[in-house]
Amino acid sequence: MNKWRVVQKPPQTQALSSTTFRPPPLDGTLSLPEQYEWHQKNTPNHPLFIYARSDQSIRTIMWPEAVRAIHSGARYVRKTMGWTPGMSNAPVVAILAASGRIPALHLQLHAYFECP
């Protein structure tokens, strides 16, 4: 039995017919962090975020760049908090971030990754 909750198959959407996006397996075999790792490897040319900068230029963040940033954040927080794998009393970290999707997502997701 899988320890992860099975997610129903997503409905057909524009993203599913994209040439740069492939949906990960949603049968419970991948945890949420593993799904991000999966996207890094299997949809490297698909944008995760696209936004306008203050100078009106467009910034695109692809999956590999986002996952590298998540790993970097995880290493920083874990080093700062003295976290080590297998700790019985892992530190609790509160997240205070701007409501924008990129900072909030980055800070929330890095806690899932066990980074060297």
Protein backbone atom coordinates (compact mmCIF):
# COMPACT_ATOMS: atom_id res chain seq x y z
CA MET A 1 0.00 0.00 0.00
CA ASN A 2 1.31 3.45 -0.91
CA LYS A 3 1.97 5.79 1.97
CA TRP A 4 0.94 8.76 -0.18
CA ARG A 5 -2.63 9.74 -0.98
CA VAL A 6 -3.56 8.92 -4.55
CA VAL A 7 -4.53 11.94 -6.61
CA GLN A 8 -7.22 11.54 -9.22
CA LYS A 9 -6.10 11.76 -12.83
CA PRO A 10 -6.13 15.43 -13.86
CA PRO A 11 -8.72 16.55 -16.39
CA GLN A 12 -7.62 17.21 -19.95
CA THR A 13 -6.27 20.75 -20.06
CA GLN A 14 -4.14 22.86 -22.35
CA ALA A 15 -1.03 21.94 -20.36
CA LEU A 16 -1.56 18.24 -21.05
CA SER A 17 -1.30 18.87 -24.78
CA SER A 18 1.78 21.06 -24.37
CA THR A 19 5.00 20.07 -26.11
CA THR A 20 7.01 21.06 -23.01
CA PHE A 21 4.88 19.60 -20.21
CA ARG A 22 4.30 16.02 -19.12
CA PRO A 23 2.19 15.24 -16.05
CA PRO A 24 3.97 13.21 -13.37
CA PRO A 25 2.54 9.91 -12.21
CA LEU A 26 -0.31 10.69 -9.81
CA ASP A 27 -0.80 7.14 -8.56
CA GLY A 28 0.75 7.77 -5.15
CA THR A 29 4.23 6.54 -6.07
CA LEU A 30 5.76 10.05 -5.82
CA SER A 31 5.66 12.37 -2.82
CA LEU A 32 5.17 16.09 -3.46
CA PRO A 33 8.93 16.79 -3.35
CA GLU A 34 9.54 13.84 -5.69
CA GLN A 35 7.03 15.32 -8.13
CA TYR A 36 9.09 18.51 -8.29
CA GLU A 37 12.24 16.47 -8.87
CA TRP A 38 10.33 14.60 -11.58
CA HIS A 39 9.44 17.88 -13.31
CA GLN A 40 13.04 19.05 -13.13
CA LYS A 41 14.07 15.98 -15.12
CA ASN A 42 11.05 15.43 -17.37
CA THR A 43 9.73 18.92 -18.14
CA PRO A 44 12.89 21.06 -18.04
CA ASN A 45 11.69 23.41 -20.79
CA HIS A 46 8.28 24.08 -19.26
CA PRO A 47 7.85 27.36 -17.38
CA LEU A 48 6.75 27.24 -13.75
CA PHE A 49 6.45 31.03 -13.41
CA ILE A 50 6.15 33.82 -15.97
CA TYR A 51 5.86 37.37 -14.73
CA ALA A 52 6.52 40.99 -15.69
CA ARG A 53 9.39 42.77 -13.99
CA SER A 54 9.19 46.40 -12.89
CA ASP A 55 10.92 47.43 -16.15
CA GLN A 56 8.14 45.59 -18.05
CA SER A 57 10.48 42.86 -19.30
CA ILE A 58 9.19 39.30 -18.99
CA ARG A 59 10.90 36.84 -16.63
CA THR A 60 10.41 33.11 -17.09
CA ILE A 61 11.45 30.56 -14.48
CA MET A 62 11.71 27.00 -15.75
CA TRP A 63 11.39 23.91 -13.55
CA PRO A 64 15.14 23.20 -13.21
CA GLU A 65 15.89 26.73 -12.01
CA ALA A 66 13.02 26.60 -9.50
CA VAL A 67 14.07 23.23 -8.08
CA ARG A 68 17.69 24.42 -7.73
CA ALA A 69 16.41 27.48 -5.81
CA ILE A 70 14.31 25.25 -3.55
CA HIS A 71 17.35 23.08 -2.79
CA SER A 72 19.45 26.16 -2.10
CA GLY A 73 16.84 27.50 0.32
CA ALA A 74 16.58 24.14 2.05
CA ARG A 75 20.35 23.93 2.55
CA TYR A 76 20.43 27.47 3.97
CA VAL A 77 17.57 26.95 6.44
CA ARG A 78 18.77 23.54 7.54
CA LYS A 79 22.32 24.80 8.10
CA THR A 80 21.02 27.83 10.00
CA MET A 81 18.73 25.71 12.17
CA GLY A 82 21.28 22.92 12.75
CA TRP A 83 19.03 20.31 11.15
CA THR A 84 20.49 16.89 10.42
CA PRO A 85 18.79 13.83 8.89
CA GLY A 86 17.16 11.58 11.46
CA MET A 87 16.84 14.24 14.17
CA SER A 88 14.23 13.24 16.74
CA ASN A 89 13.45 16.85 17.69
CA ALA A 90 13.68 18.72 14.41
CA PRO A 91 13.48 22.52 14.75
CA VAL A 92 10.22 24.28 13.92
CA VAL A 93 10.52 27.07 11.37
CA ALA A 94 7.89 29.74 10.85
CA ILE A 95 7.55 31.22 7.38
CA LEU A 96 6.95 34.93 6.91
CA ALA A 97 6.95 35.73 3.21
CA ALA A 98 5.40 38.16 0.81
CA SER A 99 2.10 36.91 -0.49
CA GLY A 100 3.52 36.63 -3.99
CA ARG A 101 3.52 33.10 -5.27
CA ILE A 102 7.24 32.76 -5.97
CA PRO A 103 8.64 33.67 -2.51
CA ALA A 104 5.91 31.78 -0.69
CA LEU A 105 6.24 28.65 -2.84
CA HIS A 106 10.02 28.68 -2.56
CA LEU A 107 9.96 28.90 1.23
CA GLN A 108 7.21 26.34 1.66
CA LEU A 109 8.66 23.73 -0.65
CA HIS A 110 12.26 23.80 0.47
CA ALA A 111 11.26 22.26 3.77
CA TYR A 112 10.30 19.05 1.93
CA PHE A 113 13.70 18.43 0.40
CA GLU A 114 16.53 16.63 2.12
CA CYS A 115 19.51 18.40 0.62
CA PRO A 116 23.14 17.43 1.10
